[in-house]
């Protein structure tokens, strides 16, 4: 029987830049495997290579050396068009700054990736409604970003990241601009969506609270993986039927 490959497999990943004539080595031979349905965070000091790793995983940049395999297929060999299609179909992104379109409502912002891909408006709208309900924003559908709190804007961004049903969501400091109460509420949303949808989350964070609650913590130092710790989550069980509190 053929063994199913992991969702993501990174092999000897290197990334170098040339800055003012000097070669700068950012990643130094990263090996990492992520299974479908996992939740893990990547931590480390500024300059450790966390965001560079995330951008390579998101196919927003290509490595200098090494391979990135999704379901056993090396995406570093894809053409630019094939990479764009892969990103749209298989990956979701949440960044520290939500990047919502200010002239559109919360519902329209969540629908945007599906509309850009040419899906029917009715189908995309239904999924967007469901996702905004899951993140506790049913009462904010027609509000524009400027009428939403920081936490609400980030929930909209998370719903938008999920609207194409990606198997993997990559989040770079998604609660970095939020206060502690709002950050905690967002963390609960991540766990809830992992439980209810089976979505894999890889989160780069400086939040000690989030890292302490995660079942897997990868620590980076000087462009390498220093440790990869798997443990029982310290997070209290959440009843998946109840929507999160809006913050």
C-alpha atoms as a PDB file:
ATOM      1  CA  UNK A   1       0.000   0.000   0.000  1.00  0.00           C
ATOM      2  CA  UNK A   2       1.339   3.446  -1.000  1.00  0.00           C
ATOM      3  CA  UNK A   3       2.024   5.723   1.950  1.00  0.00           C
ATOM      4  CA  UNK A   4       0.262   9.096   1.831  1.00  0.00           C
ATOM      5  CA  UNK A   5       2.800  11.947   1.711  1.00  0.00           C
ATOM      6  CA  UNK A   6       2.605  14.730   4.297  1.00  0.00           C
ATOM      7  CA  UNK A   7       0.752  17.909   3.418  1.00  0.00           C
ATOM      8  CA  UNK A   8       4.044  19.866   3.379  1.00  0.00           C
ATOM      9  CA  UNK A   9       7.599  18.595   3.250  1.00  0.00           C
ATOM     10  CA  UNK A  10      10.537  21.025   3.193  1.00  0.00           C
ATOM     11  CA  UNK A  11      13.925  19.598   2.278  1.00  0.00           C
ATOM     12  CA  UNK A  12      17.251  21.390   2.815  1.00  0.00           C
ATOM     13  CA  UNK A  13      15.716  24.801   2.154  1.00  0.00           C
ATOM     14  CA  UNK A  14      18.149  27.685   1.692  1.00  0.00           C
ATOM     15  CA  UNK A  15      17.565  31.350   0.921  1.00  0.00           C
ATOM     16  CA  UNK A  16      20.222  33.946   0.162  1.00  0.00           C
ATOM     17  CA  UNK A  17      20.040  37.586  -0.869  1.00  0.00           C
ATOM     18  CA  UNK A  18      22.697  39.878  -2.271  1.00  0.00           C
ATOM     19  CA  UNK A  19      22.725  43.217  -0.448  1.00  0.00           C
ATOM     20  CA  UNK A  20      25.160  45.923  -1.566  1.00  0.00           C
ATOM     21  CA  UNK A  21      27.407  43.325  -3.134  1.00  0.00           C
ATOM     22  CA  UNK A  22      27.418  41.048  -0.092  1.00  0.00           C
ATOM     23  CA  UNK A  23      25.614  37.708   0.004  1.00  0.00           C
ATOM     24  CA  UNK A  24      23.354  37.372   3.046  1.00  0.00           C
ATOM     25  CA  UNK A  25      22.264  33.863   4.057  1.00  0.00           C
ATOM     26  CA  UNK A  26      18.766  33.932   5.586  1.00  0.00           C
ATOM     27  CA  UNK A  27      17.817  30.231   5.695  1.00  0.00           C
ATOM     28  CA  UNK A  28      20.496  27.573   6.130  1.00  0.00           C
ATOM     29  CA  UNK A  29      19.147  24.156   5.202  1.00  0.00           C
ATOM     30  CA  UNK A  30      15.671  23.902   6.720  1.00  0.00           C
ATOM     31  CA  UNK A  31      13.983  20.494   6.977  1.00  0.00           C
ATOM     32  CA  UNK A  32      10.363  20.484   8.159  1.00  0.00           C
ATOM     33  CA  UNK A  33       7.283  18.306   7.731  1.00  0.00           C
ATOM     34  CA  UNK A  34       3.686  19.431   8.333  1.00  0.00           C
ATOM     35  CA  UNK A  35       0.864  16.893   8.421  1.00  0.00           C
ATOM     36  CA  UNK A  36      -2.671  17.654   7.311  1.00  0.00           C
ATOM     37  CA  UNK A  37      -4.798  19.068  10.156  1.00  0.00           C
ATOM     38  CA  UNK A  38      -1.845  20.125  12.301  1.00  0.00           C
ATOM     39  CA  UNK A  39      -1.588  23.373  14.218  1.00  0.00           C
ATOM     40  CA  UNK A  40       1.917  24.672  14.745  1.00  0.00           C
ATOM     41  CA  UNK A  41       3.605  27.963  15.395  1.00  0.00           C
ATOM     42  CA  UNK A  42       7.062  29.182  14.474  1.00  0.00           C
ATOM     43  CA  UNK A  43       8.845  31.338  17.041  1.00  0.00           C
ATOM     44  CA  UNK A  44      12.259  32.958  17.343  1.00  0.00           C
ATOM     45  CA  UNK A  45      14.012  36.294  17.635  1.00  0.00           C
ATOM     46  CA  UNK A  46      13.691  38.952  14.937  1.00  0.00           C
ATOM     47  CA  UNK A  47      15.964  38.051  12.038  1.00  0.00           C
ATOM     48  CA  UNK A  48      15.782  34.305  12.692  1.00  0.00           C
ATOM     49  CA  UNK A  49      14.221  33.718   9.263  1.00  0.00           C
ATOM     50  CA  UNK A  50      10.600  33.096  10.304  1.00  0.00           C
ATOM     51  CA  UNK A  51       8.902  35.419   7.824  1.00  0.00           C
ATOM     52  CA  UNK A  52      11.230  34.348   5.011  1.00  0.00           C
ATOM     53  CA  UNK A  53      10.276  30.734   5.647  1.00  0.00           C
ATOM     54  CA  UNK A  54       6.584  31.682   5.594  1.00  0.00           C
ATOM     55  CA  UNK A  55       6.942  33.532   2.291  1.00  0.00           C
ATOM     56  CA  UNK A  56       8.689  30.538   0.726  1.00  0.00           C
ATOM     57  CA  UNK A  57       5.995  28.183   2.029  1.00  0.00           C
ATOM     58  CA  UNK A  58       3.403  30.503   0.522  1.00  0.00           C
ATOM     59  CA  UNK A  59       5.228  30.398  -2.836  1.00  0.00           C
ATOM     60  CA  UNK A  60       5.486  34.207  -2.683  1.00  0.00           C
ATOM     61  CA  UNK A  61       9.228  33.760  -3.234  1.00  0.00           C
ATOM     62  CA  UNK A  62      11.443  30.897  -4.408  1.00  0.00           C
ATOM     63  CA  UNK A  63      14.289  29.301  -2.447  1.00  0.00           C
ATOM     64  CA  UNK A  64      17.920  29.529  -3.487  1.00  0.00           C
ATOM     65  CA  UNK A  65      18.235  25.782  -2.896  1.00  0.00           C
ATOM     66  CA  UNK A  66      16.045  22.975  -1.623  1.00  0.00           C
ATOM     67  CA  UNK A  67      12.553  21.714  -2.270  1.00  0.00           C
ATOM     68  CA  UNK A  68       9.030  22.467  -1.017  1.00  0.00           C
ATOM     69  CA  UNK A  69       6.642  19.583  -1.589  1.00  0.00           C
ATOM     70  CA  UNK A  70       2.867  19.775  -1.198  1.00  0.00           C
ATOM     71  CA  UNK A  71       1.271  16.336  -1.301  1.00  0.00           C
ATOM     72  CA  UNK A  72       4.560  15.047  -2.672  1.00  0.00           C
ATOM     73  CA  UNK A  73       4.744  17.543  -5.569  1.00  0.00           C
ATOM     74  CA  UNK A  74       7.651  19.999  -5.738  1.00  0.00           C
ATOM     75  CA  UNK A  75       6.028  23.416  -6.201  1.00  0.00           C
ATOM     76  CA  UNK A  76       9.419  25.118  -6.656  1.00  0.00           C
ATOM     77  CA  UNK A  77       9.404  23.650 -10.162  1.00  0.00           C
ATOM     78  CA  UNK A  78       6.044  25.181 -11.117  1.00  0.00           C
ATOM     79  CA  UNK A  79       5.727  27.989 -13.649  1.00  0.00           C
ATOM     80  CA  UNK A  80       4.621  31.399 -12.354  1.00  0.00           C
ATOM     81  CA  UNK A  81       1.105  30.780 -13.692  1.00  0.00           C
ATOM     82  CA  UNK A  82       0.888  27.357 -12.061  1.00  0.00           C
ATOM     83  CA  UNK A  83       2.145  28.829  -8.781  1.00  0.00           C
ATOM     84  CA  UNK A  84      -0.515  31.548  -8.849  1.00  0.00           C
ATOM     85  CA  UNK A  85      -3.204  28.924  -9.427  1.00  0.00           C
ATOM     86  CA  UNK A  86      -1.800  26.756  -6.634  1.00  0.00           C
ATOM     87  CA  UNK A  87      -1.770  29.684  -4.161  1.00  0.00           C
ATOM     88  CA  UNK A  88      -5.351  30.613  -4.976  1.00  0.00           C
ATOM     89  CA  UNK A  89      -6.605  27.047  -4.698  1.00  0.00           C
ATOM     90  CA  UNK A  90      -4.594  25.589  -1.823  1.00  0.00           C
ATOM     91  CA  UNK A  91      -3.290  28.346   0.471  1.00  0.00           C
ATOM     92  CA  UNK A  92      -4.781  31.052   2.671  1.00  0.00           C
ATOM     93  CA  UNK A  93      -2.869  34.013   4.084  1.00  0.00           C
ATOM     94  CA  UNK A  94      -3.380  36.173   7.165  1.00  0.00           C
ATOM     95  CA  UNK A  95      -0.898  38.963   7.859  1.00  0.00           C
ATOM     96  CA  UNK A  96      -0.308  41.372  10.723  1.00  0.00           C
ATOM     97  CA  UNK A  97      -1.971  44.082   8.660  1.00  0.00           C
ATOM     98  CA  UNK A  98      -5.306  42.836   7.367  1.00  0.00           C
ATOM     99  CA  UNK A  99      -5.099  44.435   3.867  1.00  0.00           C
ATOM    100  CA  UNK A 100      -8.870  44.695   3.526  1.00  0.00           C
ATOM    101  CA  UNK A 101     -10.260  46.801   0.670  1.00  0.00           C
ATOM    102  CA  UNK A 102     -11.719  49.899   2.386  1.00  0.00           C
ATOM    103  CA  UNK A 103     -14.451  50.589  -0.174  1.00  0.00           C
ATOM    104  CA  UNK A 104     -16.045  47.148   0.186  1.00  0.00           C
ATOM    105  CA  UNK A 105     -18.121  45.636   2.990  1.00  0.00           C
ATOM    106  CA  UNK A 106     -16.967  42.771   5.189  1.00  0.00           C
ATOM    107  CA  UNK A 107     -19.022  40.341   3.112  1.00  0.00           C
ATOM    108  CA  UNK A 108     -17.629  41.672  -0.173  1.00  0.00           C
ATOM    109  CA  UNK A 109     -14.041  41.503   1.125  1.00  0.00           C
ATOM    110  CA  UNK A 110     -14.476  37.840   2.053  1.00  0.00           C
ATOM    111  CA  UNK A 111     -16.057  37.086  -1.326  1.00  0.00           C
ATOM    112  CA  UNK A 112     -13.281  38.760  -3.326  1.00  0.00           C
ATOM    113  CA  UNK A 113     -10.932  35.757  -3.902  1.00  0.00           C
ATOM    114  CA  UNK A 114     -13.800  33.668  -5.281  1.00  0.00           C
ATOM    115  CA  UNK A 115     -15.078  36.475  -7.491  1.00  0.00           C
ATOM    116  CA  UNK A 116     -11.584  37.092  -8.869  1.00  0.00           C
ATOM    117  CA  UNK A 117     -11.375  33.407  -9.731  1.00  0.00           C
ATOM    118  CA  UNK A 118     -14.665  33.632 -11.624  1.00  0.00           C
ATOM    119  CA  UNK A 119     -16.889  31.588  -9.326  1.00  0.00           C
ATOM    120  CA  UNK A 120     -20.602  32.276  -9.215  1.00  0.00           C
ATOM    121  CA  UNK A 121     -21.556  35.145  -6.943  1.00  0.00           C
ATOM    122  CA  UNK A 122     -24.267  33.094  -5.218  1.00  0.00           C
ATOM    123  CA  UNK A 123     -21.879  30.251  -4.329  1.00  0.00           C
ATOM    124  CA  UNK A 124     -19.153  32.554  -3.024  1.00  0.00           C
ATOM    125  CA  UNK A 125     -21.657  34.639  -1.065  1.00  0.00           C
ATOM    126  CA  UNK A 126     -22.989  31.562   0.704  1.00  0.00           C
ATOM    127  CA  UNK A 127     -19.502  30.481   1.773  1.00  0.00           C
ATOM    128  CA  UNK A 128     -18.666  34.023   2.893  1.00  0.00           C
ATOM    129  CA  UNK A 129     -21.851  34.177   4.996  1.00  0.00           C
ATOM    130  CA  UNK A 130     -20.979  30.859   6.646  1.00  0.00           C
ATOM    131  CA  UNK A 131     -17.417  31.902   7.425  1.00  0.00           C
ATOM    132  CA  UNK A 132     -18.374  35.286   8.855  1.00  0.00           C
ATOM    133  CA  UNK A 133     -20.876  33.494  11.065  1.00  0.00           C
ATOM    134  CA  UNK A 134     -18.134  31.104  12.235  1.00  0.00           C
ATOM    135  CA  UNK A 135     -15.896  33.985  13.262  1.00  0.00           C
ATOM    136  CA  UNK A 136     -18.774  35.758  15.037  1.00  0.00           C
ATOM    137  CA  UNK A 137     -19.444  38.593  12.575  1.00  0.00           C
ATOM    138  CA  UNK A 138     -22.951  37.909  11.304  1.00  0.00           C
ATOM    139  CA  UNK A 139     -23.996  41.357  12.525  1.00  0.00           C
ATOM    140  CA  UNK A 140     -21.157  43.085  10.632  1.00  0.00           C
ATOM    141  CA  UNK A 141     -21.777  41.844   7.076  1.00  0.00           C
ATOM    142  CA  UNK A 142     -22.509  45.261   5.568  1.00  0.00           C
ATOM    143  CA  UNK A 143     -19.909  47.220   7.552  1.00  0.00           C
ATOM    144  CA  UNK A 144     -16.820  48.540   5.791  1.00  0.00           C
ATOM    145  CA  UNK A 145     -13.357  48.066   7.360  1.00  0.00           C
ATOM    146  CA  UNK A 146     -13.292  51.597   8.729  1.00  0.00           C
ATOM    147  CA  UNK A 147     -16.422  50.785  10.742  1.00  0.00           C
ATOM    148  CA  UNK A 148     -14.898  47.671  12.339  1.00  0.00           C
ATOM    149  CA  UNK A 149     -12.569  47.270  15.322  1.00  0.00           C
ATOM    150  CA  UNK A 150      -9.065  45.905  14.833  1.00  0.00           C
ATOM    151  CA  UNK A 151     -10.127  42.464  16.007  1.00  0.00           C
ATOM    152  CA  UNK A 152     -13.154  42.463  13.710  1.00  0.00           C
ATOM    153  CA  UNK A 153     -11.034  43.475  10.739  1.00  0.00           C
ATOM    154  CA  UNK A 154      -8.640  40.612  11.428  1.00  0.00           C
ATOM    155  CA  UNK A 155     -11.579  38.173  11.657  1.00  0.00           C
ATOM    156  CA  UNK A 156     -12.730  39.352   8.237  1.00  0.00           C
ATOM    157  CA  UNK A 157      -9.202  38.780   6.923  1.00  0.00           C
ATOM    158  CA  UNK A 158      -9.237  35.263   8.369  1.00  0.00           C
ATOM    159  CA  UNK A 159     -12.613  34.509   6.780  1.00  0.00           C
ATOM    160  CA  UNK A 160     -11.276  35.806   3.454  1.00  0.00           C
ATOM    161  CA  UNK A 161      -8.252  33.491   3.794  1.00  0.00           C
ATOM    162  CA  UNK A 162     -10.599  30.522   4.194  1.00  0.00           C
ATOM    163  CA  UNK A 163     -13.182  31.281   1.516  1.00  0.00           C
ATOM    164  CA  UNK A 164     -11.416  29.192  -1.159  1.00  0.00           C
ATOM    165  CA  UNK A 165     -11.302  26.232   1.261  1.00  0.00           C
ATOM    166  CA  UNK A 166      -7.496  26.034   1.498  1.00  0.00           C
ATOM    167  CA  UNK A 167      -5.902  23.074   3.219  1.00  0.00           C
ATOM    168  CA  UNK A 168      -3.217  25.298   4.753  1.00  0.00           C
ATOM    169  CA  UNK A 169      -3.456  28.790   6.252  1.00  0.00           C
ATOM    170  CA  UNK A 170      -0.201  30.693   6.747  1.00  0.00           C
ATOM    171  CA  UNK A 171      -0.406  33.482   9.310  1.00  0.00           C
ATOM    172  CA  UNK A 172       2.375  36.014   9.952  1.00  0.00           C
ATOM    173  CA  UNK A 173       1.969  37.783  13.320  1.00  0.00           C
ATOM    174  CA  UNK A 174      -1.831  37.796  12.898  1.00  0.00           C
ATOM    175  CA  UNK A 175      -2.439  39.306  16.350  1.00  0.00           C
ATOM    176  CA  UNK A 176       0.626  41.533  16.497  1.00  0.00           C
ATOM    177  CA  UNK A 177      -1.404  44.754  16.366  1.00  0.00           C
ATOM    178  CA  UNK A 178      -4.147  43.653  18.767  1.00  0.00           C
ATOM    179  CA  UNK A 179      -4.497  44.081  22.504  1.00  0.00           C
ATOM    180  CA  UNK A 180      -4.235  41.038  24.763  1.00  0.00           C
ATOM    181  CA  UNK A 181      -7.983  40.423  25.109  1.00  0.00           C
ATOM    182  CA  UNK A 182      -8.579  40.707  21.368  1.00  0.00           C
ATOM    183  CA  UNK A 183      -5.542  38.528  20.647  1.00  0.00           C
ATOM    184  CA  UNK A 184      -6.843  35.798  22.939  1.00  0.00           C
ATOM    185  CA  UNK A 185     -10.214  35.870  21.177  1.00  0.00           C
ATOM    186  CA  UNK A 186      -8.460  35.523  17.799  1.00  0.00           C
ATOM    187  CA  UNK A 187      -6.432  32.579  19.091  1.00  0.00           C
ATOM    188  CA  UNK A 188      -9.671  30.839  20.037  1.00  0.00           C
ATOM    189  CA  UNK A 189     -10.956  31.394  16.490  1.00  0.00           C
ATOM    190  CA  UNK A 190      -7.876  29.687  15.030  1.00  0.00           C
ATOM    191  CA  UNK A 191      -8.389  26.637  17.235  1.00  0.00           C
ATOM    192  CA  UNK A 192     -12.103  26.510  16.515  1.00  0.00           C
ATOM    193  CA  UNK A 193     -11.610  26.567  12.743  1.00  0.00           C
ATOM    194  CA  UNK A 194      -8.959  23.882  13.003  1.00  0.00           C
ATOM    195  CA  UNK A 195     -11.404  21.712  14.940  1.00  0.00           C
ATOM    196  CA  UNK A 196     -14.495  22.333  12.810  1.00  0.00           C
ATOM    197  CA  UNK A 197     -12.898  22.496   9.339  1.00  0.00           C
ATOM    198  CA  UNK A 198      -9.708  20.485   9.731  1.00  0.00           C
ATOM    199  CA  UNK A 199      -7.723  23.383   8.293  1.00  0.00           C
ATOM    200  CA  UNK A 200      -3.975  23.212   8.866  1.00  0.00           C
ATOM    201  CA  UNK A 201      -2.532  26.368  10.478  1.00  0.00           C
ATOM    202  CA  UNK A 202       1.109  27.454  10.481  1.00  0.00           C
ATOM    203  CA  UNK A 203       1.463  30.654  12.486  1.00  0.00           C
ATOM    204  CA  UNK A 204       4.544  32.836  12.910  1.00  0.00           C
ATOM    205  CA  UNK A 205       4.205  34.652  16.216  1.00  0.00           C
ATOM    206  CA  UNK A 206       5.976  36.509  19.004  1.00  0.00           C
ATOM    207  CA  UNK A 207       2.996  35.847  21.289  1.00  0.00           C
ATOM    208  CA  UNK A 208       4.083  33.743  24.254  1.00  0.00           C
ATOM    209  CA  UNK A 209       0.428  33.079  25.103  1.00  0.00           C
ATOM    210  CA  UNK A 210      -0.315  31.620  21.672  1.00  0.00           C
ATOM    211  CA  UNK A 211       2.897  29.586  21.630  1.00  0.00           C
ATOM    212  CA  UNK A 212       2.129  28.179  25.083  1.00  0.00           C
ATOM    213  CA  UNK A 213      -1.258  26.918  23.873  1.00  0.00           C
ATOM    214  CA  UNK A 214      -0.050  25.279  20.643  1.00  0.00           C
ATOM    215  CA  UNK A 215       0.457  21.528  20.310  1.00  0.00           C
ATOM    216  CA  UNK A 216       3.615  22.039  18.229  1.00  0.00           C
ATOM    217  CA  UNK A 217       6.204  24.825  18.491  1.00  0.00           C
ATOM    218  CA  UNK A 218       9.090  25.174  16.020  1.00  0.00           C
ATOM    219  CA  UNK A 219      11.842  27.493  17.263  1.00  0.00           C
ATOM    220  CA  UNK A 220      14.151  29.144  14.727  1.00  0.00           C
ATOM    221  CA  UNK A 221      17.560  30.666  15.395  1.00  0.00           C
ATOM    222  CA  UNK A 222      19.977  32.178  12.862  1.00  0.00           C
ATOM    223  CA  UNK A 223      18.201  30.700   9.852  1.00  0.00           C
ATOM    224  CA  UNK A 224      17.951  27.182  11.227  1.00  0.00           C
ATOM    225  CA  UNK A 225      15.478  25.136  13.251  1.00  0.00           C
ATOM    226  CA  UNK A 226      16.751  25.019  16.808  1.00  0.00           C
ATOM    227  CA  UNK A 227      13.964  22.838  18.213  1.00  0.00           C
ATOM    228  CA  UNK A 228      10.700  21.210  17.153  1.00  0.00           C
ATOM    229  CA  UNK A 229       8.561  20.500  20.214  1.00  0.00           C
ATOM    230  CA  UNK A 230       5.344  18.490  20.128  1.00  0.00           C
ATOM    231  CA  UNK A 231       3.203  18.453  23.237  1.00  0.00           C
ATOM    232  CA  UNK A 232      -0.343  18.269  24.530  1.00  0.00           C
ATOM    233  CA  UNK A 233      -2.110  21.584  24.013  1.00  0.00           C
ATOM    234  CA  UNK A 234      -2.587  23.552  27.225  1.00  0.00           C
ATOM    235  CA  UNK A 235      -5.650  25.196  25.766  1.00  0.00           C
ATOM    236  CA  UNK A 236      -8.969  24.548  27.491  1.00  0.00           C
ATOM    237  CA  UNK A 237     -11.568  22.698  25.458  1.00  0.00           C
ATOM    238  CA  UNK A 238     -13.942  24.904  23.503  1.00  0.00           C
ATOM    239  CA  UNK A 239     -17.484  23.876  22.663  1.00  0.00           C
ATOM    240  CA  UNK A 240     -17.480  24.069  18.883  1.00  0.00           C
ATOM    241  CA  UNK A 241     -21.191  24.854  18.658  1.00  0.00           C
ATOM    242  CA  UNK A 242     -20.945  28.274  20.309  1.00  0.00           C
ATOM    243  CA  UNK A 243     -19.635  31.189  18.173  1.00  0.00           C
ATOM    244  CA  UNK A 244     -16.701  33.205  19.490  1.00  0.00           C
ATOM    245  CA  UNK A 245     -17.232  36.452  21.316  1.00  0.00           C
ATOM    246  CA  UNK A 246     -16.830  39.422  18.990  1.00  0.00           C
ATOM    247  CA  UNK A 247     -14.029  41.767  19.968  1.00  0.00           C
END
